[in-house]
Amino acid sequence: MGNQGRTSQEGFTLIEMMAVVAIIGLMLGVMLPNLTATRGSELKRQAQDLASYLELARERAIVTSSPHRVWIEMEEGAFRVDWWVSEEKAFGELEEGENLNSQASIQTDRYSLTPPAAEYRDYFPIPSRFGREQWLEDDTFFEGINTETGWVTEGEVQLVFQTDGSTDYAELTLTDDWGNQVILEVQPLLDYVRVHRVEED
């Protein structure tokens, strides 16, 4: 009886411990690639979300005949869509004289020879959720943007779309805390943004 009690209290054998370690290793070998793939998919989803902002800015620039930009704060990971308009138009207010009906304009035979004053314009957020400042997820950041003037990693940058939809070529790189990278390639004339993942060597 005493020998059996002493045997039952002994620890794991070396073979049992090796078997447990092998099982844990197999489980990690299966789980880690899936976890990395999941994180890579999340990064790509964020890149596609940002691409939708770029495509919307291009479309609105053409439809509204006003230049648009995607404003990006590199270090904060913030972005939004702005358009180049007057303050009155940006906030939906009527311009002076817009409320005059067309009949009154037809009946008058007096015309002003004074050229209209130059209207002050600037970039204002567009009137939709795309005009509200958004941020990347906490584990994602802007690695940098490659433009015609060089590689930019900090400060504010803007990707401007003219009224014909054209823009300057740019490559915007997003990275997460696990080293996954996705590049948004903005073509000057195409009406879409190419998103591709950077494969590890």
Protein backbone atom coordinates (compact mmCIF):
# COMPACT_ATOMS: atom_id res chain seq x y z
CA MET A 1 0.00 0.00 0.00
CA GLY A 2 2.77 2.41 0.90
CA ASN A 3 4.58 1.81 -2.43
CA GLN A 4 1.40 2.49 -4.45
CA GLY A 5 0.81 5.80 -2.65
CA ARG A 6 4.34 6.93 -3.30
CA THR A 7 4.05 6.03 -7.03
CA SER A 8 0.80 8.00 -7.47
CA GLN A 9 2.45 11.17 -6.11
CA GLU A 10 5.38 11.09 -8.52
CA GLY A 11 5.53 13.82 -11.24
CA PHE A 12 5.29 13.50 -15.00
CA THR A 13 7.77 11.28 -16.73
CA LEU A 14 10.16 12.74 -19.31
CA ILE A 15 8.21 11.08 -22.13
CA GLU A 16 4.93 12.60 -20.92
CA MET A 17 6.48 16.07 -20.70
CA MET A 18 7.93 15.74 -24.21
CA ALA A 19 4.51 14.68 -25.51
CA VAL A 20 2.85 17.75 -23.94
CA VAL A 21 5.49 20.07 -25.40
CA ALA A 22 5.06 18.47 -28.83
CA ILE A 23 1.28 18.92 -28.70
CA ILE A 24 1.62 22.58 -27.69
CA GLY A 25 4.10 23.11 -30.52
CA LEU A 26 1.70 21.57 -33.04
CA MET A 27 -1.16 23.76 -31.79
CA LEU A 28 0.96 26.92 -32.08
CA GLY A 29 2.08 25.86 -35.54
CA VAL A 30 -1.55 25.68 -36.63
CA MET A 31 -2.84 28.76 -34.79
CA LEU A 32 -0.11 31.34 -35.44
CA PRO A 33 -0.35 31.38 -39.27
CA ASN A 34 -4.13 31.73 -38.99
CA LEU A 35 -3.73 34.58 -36.49
CA THR A 36 -1.24 36.34 -38.77
CA ALA A 37 -3.57 35.90 -41.74
CA THR A 38 -6.46 37.33 -39.72
CA ARG A 39 -4.41 40.38 -38.76
CA GLY A 40 -3.32 40.82 -42.37
CA SER A 41 -6.95 40.67 -43.50
CA GLU A 42 -7.90 43.35 -40.97
CA LEU A 43 -5.13 45.60 -42.26
CA LYS A 44 -6.31 45.10 -45.83
CA ARG A 45 -9.89 45.92 -44.78
CA GLN A 46 -8.72 49.24 -43.34
CA ALA A 47 -6.78 49.95 -46.52
CA GLN A 48 -9.88 49.26 -48.63
CA ASP A 49 -11.89 51.56 -46.37
CA LEU A 50 -9.37 54.35 -46.96
CA ALA A 51 -9.42 53.57 -50.69
CA SER A 52 -13.17 54.25 -50.68
CA TYR A 53 -12.42 57.75 -49.37
CA LEU A 54 -9.98 58.35 -52.21
CA GLU A 55 -12.42 57.08 -54.83
CA LEU A 56 -15.24 59.21 -53.40
CA ALA A 57 -13.03 62.31 -53.50
CA ARG A 58 -12.28 61.67 -57.18
CA GLU A 59 -15.95 61.12 -58.06
CA ARG A 60 -17.16 64.21 -56.18
CA ALA A 61 -14.47 66.38 -57.78
CA ILE A 62 -15.90 65.49 -61.20
CA VAL A 63 -19.59 65.73 -60.27
CA THR A 64 -19.37 68.99 -58.32
CA SER A 65 -16.69 70.66 -60.51
CA SER A 66 -14.77 71.48 -57.33
CA PRO A 67 -11.33 70.11 -56.44
CA HIS A 68 -11.38 67.60 -53.59
CA ARG A 69 -8.67 66.23 -51.38
CA VAL A 70 -8.14 63.43 -48.91
CA TRP A 71 -6.42 65.06 -45.95
CA ILE A 72 -4.15 62.77 -43.93
CA GLU A 73 -2.34 63.34 -40.65
CA MET A 74 0.49 60.83 -40.82
CA GLU A 75 1.45 60.53 -37.15
CA GLU A 76 -2.07 60.58 -35.71
CA GLY A 77 -3.46 58.22 -38.36
CA ALA A 78 -6.34 60.60 -39.12
CA PHE A 79 -8.01 61.26 -42.48
CA ARG A 80 -11.08 62.90 -44.07
CA VAL A 81 -12.40 64.26 -47.40
CA ASP A 82 -12.47 68.04 -48.05
CA TRP A 83 -13.66 70.11 -51.02
CA TRP A 84 -12.52 73.51 -52.36
CA VAL A 85 -15.55 75.79 -51.95
CA SER A 86 -16.70 79.02 -50.36
CA GLU A 87 -17.56 79.02 -46.69
CA GLU A 88 -21.21 79.72 -47.53
CA LYS A 89 -21.46 76.71 -49.79
CA ALA A 90 -19.52 74.54 -47.36
CA PHE A 91 -22.07 75.17 -44.64
CA GLY A 92 -25.09 75.10 -46.95
CA GLU A 93 -26.00 78.77 -46.65
CA LEU A 94 -27.58 80.72 -49.49
CA GLU A 95 -25.29 83.01 -51.41
CA GLU A 96 -26.32 86.67 -51.44
CA GLY A 97 -28.92 87.15 -54.15
CA GLU A 98 -29.63 83.43 -54.65
CA ASN A 99 -33.12 83.88 -53.23
CA LEU A 100 -34.11 86.32 -56.01
CA ASN A 101 -36.58 84.72 -58.39
CA SER A 102 -35.74 84.51 -62.06
CA GLN A 103 -38.79 86.62 -63.10
CA ALA A 104 -37.45 89.63 -61.22
CA SER A 105 -34.15 89.25 -63.02
CA ILE A 106 -35.86 89.21 -66.41
CA GLN A 107 -37.89 92.36 -65.76
CA THR A 108 -34.90 94.55 -64.90
CA ASP A 109 -33.01 96.30 -67.68
CA ARG A 110 -30.15 97.62 -65.51
CA TYR A 111 -26.87 95.74 -65.45
CA SER A 112 -23.93 96.24 -63.17
CA LEU A 113 -20.60 96.78 -64.89
CA THR A 114 -18.68 96.13 -61.68
CA PRO A 115 -16.90 92.77 -61.78
CA PRO A 116 -17.96 90.45 -58.98
CA ALA A 117 -15.70 90.38 -55.97
CA ALA A 118 -13.36 87.43 -55.78
CA GLU A 119 -15.02 84.73 -53.71
CA TYR A 120 -12.91 83.41 -50.87
CA ARG A 121 -12.49 79.66 -51.10
CA ASP A 122 -10.71 77.10 -49.02
CA TYR A 123 -10.84 73.40 -48.22
CA PHE A 124 -13.80 72.47 -46.01
CA PRO A 125 -14.98 68.98 -44.94
CA ILE A 126 -17.63 67.57 -47.25
CA PRO A 127 -21.18 67.34 -45.79
CA SER A 128 -21.27 63.60 -45.02
CA ARG A 129 -19.63 61.04 -42.76
CA PHE A 130 -16.64 61.08 -45.13
CA GLY A 131 -16.05 64.69 -44.08
CA ARG A 132 -15.75 63.74 -40.43
CA GLU A 133 -12.28 62.95 -39.17
CA GLN A 134 -11.59 59.22 -38.97
CA TRP A 135 -8.67 57.33 -37.47
CA LEU A 136 -6.88 54.08 -38.17
CA GLU A 137 -7.17 51.30 -35.61
CA ASP A 138 -4.81 51.48 -32.63
CA ASP A 139 -2.54 48.71 -33.97
CA THR A 140 -2.32 50.27 -37.46
CA PHE A 141 -0.36 53.30 -38.64
CA PHE A 142 0.78 55.14 -41.76
CA GLU A 143 4.29 53.97 -42.59
CA GLY A 144 4.66 56.73 -45.15
CA ILE A 145 3.55 58.07 -48.50
CA ASN A 146 5.62 58.12 -51.66
CA THR A 147 4.87 61.17 -53.81
CA GLU A 148 6.51 62.99 -56.69
CA THR A 149 8.29 65.19 -54.14
CA GLY A 150 9.65 62.26 -52.13
CA TRP A 151 8.90 59.96 -49.20
CA VAL A 152 6.85 61.54 -46.38
CA THR A 153 6.46 59.97 -42.93
CA GLU A 154 5.16 62.77 -40.71
CA GLY A 155 2.98 65.85 -40.67
CA GLU A 156 -0.05 66.60 -42.83
CA VAL A 157 -0.34 65.51 -46.45
CA GLN A 158 -3.09 65.86 -49.02
CA LEU A 159 -4.03 63.87 -52.09
CA VAL A 160 -5.79 66.37 -54.37
CA PHE A 161 -8.21 65.43 -57.17
CA GLN A 162 -8.89 68.02 -59.86
CA THR A 163 -12.28 68.59 -61.50
CA ASP A 164 -11.41 66.14 -64.29
CA GLY A 165 -10.61 63.43 -61.74
CA SER A 166 -6.86 63.59 -62.28
CA THR A 167 -4.34 63.55 -59.45
CA ASP A 168 -0.64 63.05 -58.80
CA TYR A 169 0.70 59.52 -58.51
CA ALA A 170 1.14 58.38 -54.89
CA GLU A 171 1.73 55.22 -52.89
CA LEU A 172 0.43 55.19 -49.33
CA THR A 173 1.80 52.43 -47.08
CA LEU A 174 -0.14 51.13 -44.06
CA THR A 175 1.57 48.92 -41.47
CA ASP A 176 0.37 47.13 -38.35
CA ASP A 177 2.18 46.20 -35.13
CA TRP A 178 2.90 42.70 -36.46
CA GLY A 179 4.79 43.87 -39.53
CA ASN A 180 2.04 43.37 -42.13
CA GLN A 181 2.04 46.01 -44.87
CA VAL A 182 -0.50 47.12 -47.46
CA ILE A 183 0.09 49.70 -50.22
CA LEU A 184 -2.62 51.92 -51.69
CA GLU A 185 -1.54 52.88 -55.19
CA VAL A 186 -3.25 56.05 -56.45
CA GLN A 187 -3.05 56.29 -60.24
CA PRO A 188 -3.24 59.77 -61.84
CA LEU A 189 -6.05 58.98 -64.28
CA LEU A 190 -7.67 55.69 -63.28
CA ASP A 191 -10.97 55.78 -61.41
CA TYR A 192 -9.93 53.26 -58.76
CA VAL A 193 -7.24 52.82 -56.13
CA ARG A 194 -5.15 49.65 -56.28
CA VAL A 195 -4.70 47.93 -52.90
CA HIS A 196 -2.07 45.21 -52.61
CA ARG A 197 -0.43 43.48 -49.68
CA VAL A 198 3.34 43.44 -49.33
CA GLU A 199 4.40 39.79 -49.08
CA GLU A 200 7.19 38.92 -46.68
CA ASP A 201 10.36 37.48 -48.23
